[in-house]
Amino acid sequence: MALTPEEQLIELYERRTEIQTAISAILGGAQEYSINGRSLKRPDLGLLYKERDRLDQEIRSLEAPEESASMFRRAYFEGR
C-alpha cells in the first residue's frame, strides 16, 4: 500500500531525527564503543551528513513540490 504524502513526511522526519541523533552521538565522541565484548562502530560522519542532506531535499520536495521541481523561478515585475 502506498503512503500518503503526509505519511511519507512523517517517515522522512523520523529517519532524519535518527540520523541527527547519530551525528550528535558521533560529535560527542561515541563513534565506536564496546558492550560485553562486542564492539559497535557507527557510520562515517560524512555519510550521515550526505544522508541528512538527501532527506532534507526529499522533505522539501514533498512540502513544496512546485518549488523543488526546478532550480529556475519565474518572477513578474509590474510597472515597467
PDB file of N, CA and C in Angstrom:
ATOM      1  N   MET A   1       0.844  -1.179   0.000  1.00  0.00           N
ATOM      2  CA  MET A   1       0.000   0.000   0.000  1.00  0.00           C
ATOM      3  C   MET A   1       0.890   1.244   0.000  1.00  0.00           C
ATOM      4  N   ALA A   2       0.574   2.174  -0.866  1.00  0.00           N
ATOM      5  CA  ALA A   2       1.358   3.398  -0.983  1.00  0.00           C
ATOM      6  C   ALA A   2       1.053   4.342   0.172  1.00  0.00           C
ATOM      7  N   LEU A   3       2.078   5.032   0.591  1.00  0.00           N
ATOM      8  CA  LEU A   3       1.912   6.002   1.671  1.00  0.00           C
ATOM      9  C   LEU A   3       1.385   7.317   1.110  1.00  0.00           C
ATOM     10  N   THR A   4       0.590   8.007   1.901  1.00  0.00           N
ATOM     11  CA  THR A   4       0.148   9.346   1.521  1.00  0.00           C
ATOM     12  C   THR A   4       1.332  10.295   1.689  1.00  0.00           C
ATOM     13  N   PRO A   5       1.278  11.471   1.062  1.00  0.00           N
ATOM     14  CA  PRO A   5       2.365  12.439   1.251  1.00  0.00           C
ATOM     15  C   PRO A   5       2.593  12.786   2.726  1.00  0.00           C
ATOM     16  N   GLU A   6       1.518  12.853   3.501  1.00  0.00           N
ATOM     17  CA  GLU A   6       1.652  13.157   4.929  1.00  0.00           C
ATOM     18  C   GLU A   6       2.384  12.036   5.662  1.00  0.00           C
ATOM     19  N   GLU A   7       2.053  10.784   5.321  1.00  0.00           N
ATOM     20  CA  GLU A   7       2.723   9.637   5.941  1.00  0.00           C
ATOM     21  C   GLU A   7       4.193   9.575   5.519  1.00  0.00           C
ATOM     22  N   GLN A   8       4.451   9.915   4.261  1.00  0.00           N
ATOM     23  CA  GLN A   8       5.834   9.951   3.790  1.00  0.00           C
ATOM     24  C   GLN A   8       6.634  10.990   4.562  1.00  0.00           C
ATOM     25  N   LEU A   9       6.035  12.165   4.779  1.00  0.00           N
ATOM     26  CA  LEU A   9       6.717  13.217   5.533  1.00  0.00           C
ATOM     27  C   LEU A   9       7.023  12.768   6.954  1.00  0.00           C
ATOM     28  N   ILE A  10       6.063  12.124   7.594  1.00  0.00           N
ATOM     29  CA  ILE A  10       6.278  11.638   8.957  1.00  0.00           C
ATOM     30  C   ILE A  10       7.446  10.658   8.981  1.00  0.00           C
ATOM     31  N   GLU A  11       7.460   9.730   8.033  1.00  0.00           N
ATOM     32  CA  GLU A  11       8.539   8.742   7.965  1.00  0.00           C
ATOM     33  C   GLU A  11       9.890   9.412   7.704  1.00  0.00           C
ATOM     34  N   LEU A  12       9.914  10.386   6.796  1.00  0.00           N
ATOM     35  CA  LEU A  12      11.159  11.084   6.498  1.00  0.00           C
ATOM     36  C   LEU A  12      11.661  11.870   7.702  1.00  0.00           C
ATOM     37  N   TYR A  13      10.751  12.541   8.414  1.00  0.00           N
ATOM     38  CA  TYR A  13      11.159  13.284   9.611  1.00  0.00           C
ATOM     39  C   TYR A  13      11.699  12.348  10.689  1.00  0.00           C
ATOM     40  N   GLU A  14      11.092  11.168  10.828  1.00  0.00           N
ATOM     41  CA  GLU A  14      11.584  10.196  11.814  1.00  0.00           C
ATOM     42  C   GLU A  14      12.982   9.718  11.445  1.00  0.00           C
ATOM     43  N   ARG A  15      13.196   9.415  10.157  1.00  0.00           N
ATOM     44  CA  ARG A  15      14.523   8.983   9.716  1.00  0.00           C
ATOM     45  C   ARG A  15      15.545  10.093   9.886  1.00  0.00           C
ATOM     46  N   ARG A  16      15.135  11.339   9.599  1.00  0.00           N
ATOM     47  CA  ARG A  16      16.058  12.464   9.760  1.00  0.00           C
ATOM     48  C   ARG A  16      16.441  12.640  11.224  1.00  0.00           C
ATOM     49  N   THR A  17      15.469  12.453  12.125  1.00  0.00           N
ATOM     50  CA  THR A  17      15.755  12.550  13.555  1.00  0.00           C
ATOM     51  C   THR A  17      16.762  11.483  13.975  1.00  0.00           C
ATOM     52  N   GLU A  18      16.600  10.263  13.463  1.00  0.00           N
ATOM     53  CA  GLU A  18      17.546   9.191  13.777  1.00  0.00           C
ATOM     54  C   GLU A  18      18.945   9.528  13.272  1.00  0.00           C
ATOM     55  N   ILE A  19      19.027  10.072  12.066  1.00  0.00           N
ATOM     56  CA  ILE A  19      20.325  10.459  11.500  1.00  0.00           C
ATOM     57  C   ILE A  19      20.955  11.557  12.343  1.00  0.00           C
ATOM     58  N   GLN A  20      20.163  12.558  12.726  1.00  0.00           N
ATOM     59  CA  GLN A  20      20.698  13.658  13.526  1.00  0.00           C
ATOM     60  C   GLN A  20      21.153  13.165  14.896  1.00  0.00           C
ATOM     61  N   THR A  21      20.436  12.207  15.480  1.00  0.00           N
ATOM     62  CA  THR A  21      20.837  11.624  16.760  1.00  0.00           C
ATOM     63  C   THR A  21      22.190  10.927  16.620  1.00  0.00           C
ATOM     64  N   ALA A  22      22.374  10.195  15.527  1.00  0.00           N
ATOM     65  CA  ALA A  22      23.653   9.519  15.286  1.00  0.00           C
ATOM     66  C   ALA A  22      24.777  10.533  15.094  1.00  0.00           C
ATOM     67  N   ILE A  23      24.507  11.609  14.361  1.00  0.00           N
ATOM     68  CA  ILE A  23      25.509  12.657  14.160  1.00  0.00           C
ATOM     69  C   ILE A  23      25.897  13.268  15.499  1.00  0.00           C
ATOM     70  N   SER A  24      24.911  13.575  16.315  1.00  0.00           N
ATOM     71  CA  SER A  24      25.186  14.168  17.627  1.00  0.00           C
ATOM     72  C   SER A  24      26.000  13.227  18.506  1.00  0.00           C
ATOM     73  N   ALA A  25      25.690  11.939  18.448  1.00  0.00           N
ATOM     74  CA  ALA A  25      26.434  10.961  19.246  1.00  0.00           C
ATOM     75  C   ALA A  25      27.889  10.896  18.802  1.00  0.00           C
ATOM     76  N   ILE A  26      28.114  10.917  17.497  1.00  0.00           N
ATOM     77  CA  ILE A  26      29.483  10.872  16.987  1.00  0.00           C
ATOM     78  C   ILE A  26      30.232  12.135  17.378  1.00  0.00           C
ATOM     79  N   LEU A  27      29.586  13.283  17.240  1.00  0.00           N
ATOM     80  CA  LEU A  27      30.233  14.535  17.620  1.00  0.00           C
ATOM     81  C   LEU A  27      30.540  14.574  19.109  1.00  0.00           C
ATOM     82  N   GLY A  28      29.769  13.826  19.891  1.00  0.00           N
ATOM     83  CA  GLY A  28      30.008  13.733  21.327  1.00  0.00           C
ATOM     84  C   GLY A  28      31.068  12.707  21.689  1.00  0.00           C
ATOM     85  N   GLY A  29      31.661  12.063  20.686  1.00  0.00           N
ATOM     86  CA  GLY A  29      32.745  11.130  20.936  1.00  0.00           C
ATOM     87  C   GLY A  29      32.343   9.674  20.940  1.00  0.00           C
ATOM     88  N   ALA A  30      31.160   9.353  20.510  1.00  0.00           N
ATOM     89  CA  ALA A  30      30.670   7.972  20.567  1.00  0.00           C
ATOM     90  C   ALA A  30      30.725   7.292  19.201  1.00  0.00           C
ATOM     91  N   GLN A  31      31.826   7.443  18.483  1.00  0.00           N
ATOM     92  CA  GLN A  31      31.956   6.810  17.161  1.00  0.00           C
ATOM     93  C   GLN A  31      32.004   5.292  17.283  1.00  0.00           C
ATOM     94  N   GLU A  32      32.712   4.804  18.281  1.00  0.00           N
ATOM     95  CA  GLU A  32      32.861   3.360  18.445  1.00  0.00           C
ATOM     96  C   GLU A  32      32.858   3.038  19.936  1.00  0.00           C
ATOM     97  N   TYR A  33      32.173   1.965  20.300  1.00  0.00           N
ATOM     98  CA  TYR A  33      32.163   1.560  21.697  1.00  0.00           C
ATOM     99  C   TYR A  33      31.972   0.059  21.797  1.00  0.00           C
ATOM    100  N   SER A  34      32.187  -0.462  22.997  1.00  0.00           N
ATOM    101  CA  SER A  34      32.116  -1.899  23.218  1.00  0.00           C
ATOM    102  C   SER A  34      31.181  -2.189  24.383  1.00  0.00           C
ATOM    103  N   ILE A  35      30.343  -3.224  24.207  1.00  0.00           N
ATOM    104  CA  ILE A  35      29.423  -3.662  25.253  1.00  0.00           C
ATOM    105  C   ILE A  35      29.550  -5.174  25.362  1.00  0.00           C
ATOM    106  N   ASN A  36      29.882  -5.643  26.547  1.00  0.00           N
ATOM    107  CA  ASN A  36      30.017  -7.089  26.791  1.00  0.00           C
ATOM    108  C   ASN A  36      30.911  -7.779  25.759  1.00  0.00           C
ATOM    109  N   GLY A  37      32.018  -7.149  25.424  1.00  0.00           N
ATOM    110  CA  GLY A  37      32.959  -7.746  24.489  1.00  0.00           C
ATOM    111  C   GLY A  37      32.592  -7.602  23.028  1.00  0.00           C
ATOM    112  N   ARG A  38      31.461  -7.019  22.741  1.00  0.00           N
ATOM    113  CA  ARG A  38      31.049  -6.799  21.349  1.00  0.00           C
ATOM    114  C   ARG A  38      31.226  -5.326  21.025  1.00  0.00           C
ATOM    115  N   SER A  39      31.915  -5.045  19.936  1.00  0.00           N
ATOM    116  CA  SER A  39      32.132  -3.643  19.586  1.00  0.00           C
ATOM    117  C   SER A  39      31.171  -3.214  18.483  1.00  0.00           C
ATOM    118  N   LEU A  40      30.836  -1.961  18.527  1.00  0.00           N
ATOM    119  CA  LEU A  40      29.911  -1.371  17.561  1.00  0.00           C
ATOM    120  C   LEU A  40      30.539  -0.094  17.043  1.00  0.00           C
ATOM    121  N   LYS A  41      30.558   0.049  15.739  1.00  0.00           N
ATOM    122  CA  LYS A  41      31.078   1.270  15.138  1.00  0.00           C
ATOM    123  C   LYS A  41      29.955   1.941  14.361  1.00  0.00           C
ATOM    124  N   ARG A  42      29.753   3.198  14.639  1.00  0.00           N
ATOM    125  CA  ARG A  42      28.707   3.952  13.945  1.00  0.00           C
ATOM    126  C   ARG A  42      29.174   4.329  12.539  1.00  0.00           C
ATOM    127  N   PRO A  43      28.239   4.640  11.661  1.00  0.00           N
ATOM    128  CA  PRO A  43      28.610   5.013  10.289  1.00  0.00           C
ATOM    129  C   PRO A  43      29.495   6.257  10.263  1.00  0.00           C
ATOM    130  N   ASP A  44      30.172   6.410   9.157  1.00  0.00           N
ATOM    131  CA  ASP A  44      31.038   7.555   8.929  1.00  0.00           C
ATOM    132  C   ASP A  44      30.225   8.851   8.993  1.00  0.00           C
ATOM    133  N   LEU A  45      30.796   9.866   9.617  1.00  0.00           N
ATOM    134  CA  LEU A  45      30.103  11.143   9.782  1.00  0.00           C
ATOM    135  C   LEU A  45      29.738  11.759   8.431  1.00  0.00           C
ATOM    136  N   GLY A  46      30.633  11.660   7.461  1.00  0.00           N
ATOM    137  CA  GLY A  46      30.352  12.202   6.129  1.00  0.00           C
ATOM    138  C   GLY A  46      29.150  11.545   5.475  1.00  0.00           C
ATOM    139  N   LEU A  47      29.037  10.232   5.637  1.00  0.00           N
ATOM    140  CA  LEU A  47      27.877   9.522   5.083  1.00  0.00           C
ATOM    141  C   LEU A  47      26.586   9.968   5.755  1.00  0.00           C
ATOM    142  N   LEU A  48      26.654  10.191   7.048  1.00  0.00           N
ATOM    143  CA  LEU A  48      25.460  10.644   7.767  1.00  0.00           C
ATOM    144  C   LEU A  48      25.040  12.037   7.308  1.00  0.00           C
ATOM    145  N   TYR A  49      26.022  12.929   7.099  1.00  0.00           N
ATOM    146  CA  TYR A  49      25.699  14.264   6.599  1.00  0.00           C
ATOM    147  C   TYR A  49      25.056  14.187   5.209  1.00  0.00           C
ATOM    148  N   LYS A  50      25.583  13.332   4.341  1.00  0.00           N
ATOM    149  CA  LYS A  50      25.005  13.183   2.998  1.00  0.00           C
ATOM    150  C   LYS A  50      23.576  12.661   3.061  1.00  0.00           C
ATOM    151  N   GLU A  51      23.353  11.676   3.930  1.00  0.00           N
ATOM    152  CA  GLU A  51      22.001  11.122   4.063  1.00  0.00           C
ATOM    153  C   GLU A  51      21.043  12.171   4.628  1.00  0.00           C
ATOM    154  N   ARG A  52      21.520  12.963   5.603  1.00  0.00           N
ATOM    155  CA  ARG A  52      20.677  14.025   6.162  1.00  0.00           C
ATOM    156  C   ARG A  52      20.316  15.038   5.080  1.00  0.00           C
ATOM    157  N   ASP A  53      21.293  15.422   4.256  1.00  0.00           N
ATOM    158  CA  ASP A  53      21.025  16.365   3.169  1.00  0.00           C
ATOM    159  C   ASP A  53      20.029  15.784   2.165  1.00  0.00           C
ATOM    160  N   ARG A  54      20.168  14.489   1.854  1.00  0.00           N
ATOM    161  CA  ARG A  54      19.240  13.837   0.928  1.00  0.00           C
ATOM    162  C   ARG A  54      17.821  13.824   1.492  1.00  0.00           C
ATOM    163  N   LEU A  55      17.716  13.511   2.786  1.00  0.00           N
ATOM    164  CA  LEU A  55      16.399  13.513   3.428  1.00  0.00           C
ATOM    165  C   LEU A  55      15.803  14.914   3.442  1.00  0.00           C
ATOM    166  N   ASP A  56      16.644  15.925   3.715  1.00  0.00           N
ATOM    167  CA  ASP A  56      16.161  17.311   3.698  1.00  0.00           C
ATOM    168  C   ASP A  56      15.597  17.678   2.331  1.00  0.00           C
ATOM    169  N   GLN A  57      16.291  17.274   1.267  1.00  0.00           N
ATOM    170  CA  GLN A  57      15.815  17.563  -0.087  1.00  0.00           C
ATOM    171  C   GLN A  57      14.496  16.854  -0.362  1.00  0.00           C
ATOM    172  N   GLU A  58      14.390  15.613   0.064  1.00  0.00           N
ATOM    173  CA  GLU A  58      13.154  14.857  -0.146  1.00  0.00           C
ATOM    174  C   GLU A  58      11.998  15.476   0.642  1.00  0.00           C
ATOM    175  N   ILE A  59      12.279  15.927   1.853  1.00  0.00           N
ATOM    176  CA  ILE A  59      11.261  16.593   2.671  1.00  0.00           C
ATOM    177  C   ILE A  59      10.806  17.876   1.986  1.00  0.00           C
ATOM    178  N   ARG A  60      11.775  18.677   1.504  1.00  0.00           N
ATOM    179  CA  ARG A  60      11.419  19.926   0.814  1.00  0.00           C
ATOM    180  C   ARG A  60      10.562  19.654  -0.415  1.00  0.00           C
ATOM    181  N   SER A  61      10.884  18.593  -1.149  1.00  0.00           N
ATOM    182  CA  SER A  61      10.118  18.308  -2.364  1.00  0.00           C
ATOM    183  C   SER A  61       8.688  17.883  -2.048  1.00  0.00           C
ATOM    184  N   LEU A  62       8.478  17.237  -0.898  1.00  0.00           N
ATOM    185  CA  LEU A  62       7.115  16.857  -0.509  1.00  0.00           C
ATOM    186  C   LEU A  62       6.345  18.033   0.089  1.00  0.00           C
ATOM    187  N   GLU A  63       7.055  18.922   0.777  1.00  0.00           N
ATOM    188  CA  GLU A  63       6.377  20.062   1.403  1.00  0.00           C
ATOM    189  C   GLU A  63       5.999  21.131   0.388  1.00  0.00           C
ATOM    190  N   ALA A  64       6.808  21.303  -0.632  1.00  0.00           N
ATOM    191  CA  ALA A  64       6.532  22.322  -1.648  1.00  0.00           C
ATOM    192  C   ALA A  64       6.945  21.777  -3.011  1.00  0.00           C
ATOM    193  N   PRO A  65       6.165  20.858  -3.575  1.00  0.00           N
ATOM    194  CA  PRO A  65       6.575  20.193  -4.816  1.00  0.00           C
ATOM    195  C   PRO A  65       6.794  21.140  -5.993  1.00  0.00           C
ATOM    196  N   GLU A  66       6.027  22.202  -6.084  1.00  0.00           N
ATOM    197  CA  GLU A  66       6.183  23.116  -7.212  1.00  0.00           C
ATOM    198  C   GLU A  66       7.473  23.915  -7.112  1.00  0.00           C
ATOM    199  N   GLU A  67       7.976  24.140  -5.900  1.00  0.00           N
ATOM    200  CA  GLU A  67       9.201  24.914  -5.735  1.00  0.00           C
ATOM    201  C   GLU A  67      10.443  24.073  -5.958  1.00  0.00           C
ATOM    202  N   SER A  68      10.389  22.787  -5.659  1.00  0.00           N
ATOM    203  CA  SER A  68      11.580  21.954  -5.775  1.00  0.00           C
ATOM    204  C   SER A  68      11.692  21.273  -7.134  1.00  0.00           C
ATOM    205  N   ALA A  69      10.712  21.463  -8.001  1.00  0.00           N
ATOM    206  CA  ALA A  69      10.727  20.793  -9.297  1.00  0.00           C
ATOM    207  C   ALA A  69      11.807  21.358 -10.215  1.00  0.00           C
ATOM    208  N   SER A  70      12.156  22.593 -10.027  1.00  0.00           N
ATOM    209  CA  SER A  70      13.124  23.223 -10.911  1.00  0.00           C
ATOM    210  C   SER A  70      13.981  24.197 -10.131  1.00  0.00           C
ATOM    211  N   MET A  71      15.191  24.409 -10.618  1.00  0.00           N
ATOM    212  CA  MET A  71      16.051  25.394  -9.967  1.00  0.00           C
ATOM    213  C   MET A  71      15.743  26.803 -10.465  1.00  0.00           C
ATOM    214  N   PHE A  72      14.911  26.915 -11.491  1.00  0.00           N
ATOM    215  CA  PHE A  72      14.562  28.210 -12.041  1.00  0.00           C
ATOM    216  C   PHE A  72      13.216  28.677 -11.501  1.00  0.00           C
ATOM    217  N   ARG A  73      13.098  29.966 -11.297  1.00  0.00           N
ATOM    218  CA  ARG A  73      11.859  30.557 -10.804  1.00  0.00           C
ATOM    219  C   ARG A  73      11.403  31.632 -11.784  1.00  0.00           C
ATOM    220  N   ARG A  74      10.136  31.868 -11.807  1.00  0.00           N
ATOM    221  CA  ARG A  74       9.579  32.903 -12.656  1.00  0.00           C
ATOM    222  C   ARG A  74       9.176  34.072 -11.772  1.00  0.00           C
ATOM    223  N   ALA A  75       9.582  35.268 -12.177  1.00  0.00           N
ATOM    224  CA  ALA A  75       9.240  36.467 -11.420  1.00  0.00           C
ATOM    225  C   ALA A  75       8.501  37.433 -12.345  1.00  0.00           C
ATOM    226  N   TYR A  76       7.521  38.113 -11.791  1.00  0.00           N
ATOM    227  CA  TYR A  76       6.759  39.095 -12.543  1.00  0.00           C
ATOM    228  C   TYR A  76       6.970  40.457 -11.903  1.00  0.00           C
ATOM    229  N   PHE A  77       7.318  41.436 -12.727  1.00  0.00           N
ATOM    230  CA  PHE A  77       7.533  42.793 -12.245  1.00  0.00           C
ATOM    231  C   PHE A  77       6.506  43.691 -12.911  1.00  0.00           C
ATOM    232  N   GLU A  78       5.771  44.415 -12.106  1.00  0.00           N
ATOM    233  CA  GLU A  78       4.755  45.314 -12.638  1.00  0.00           C
ATOM    234  C   GLU A  78       5.277  46.742 -12.646  1.00  0.00           C
ATOM    235  N   GLY A  79       4.702  47.560 -13.520  1.00  0.00           N
ATOM    236  CA  GLY A  79       5.009  48.982 -13.521  1.00  0.00           C
ATOM    237  C   GLY A  79       6.202  49.364 -14.372  1.00  0.00           C
ATOM    238  N   ARG A  80       6.632  48.522 -15.264  1.00  0.00           N
ATOM    239  CA  ARG A  80       7.758  48.886 -16.133  1.00  0.00           C
ATOM    240  C   ARG A  80       7.331  48.938 -17.558  1.00  0.00           C
TER     241      ARG A  80
END
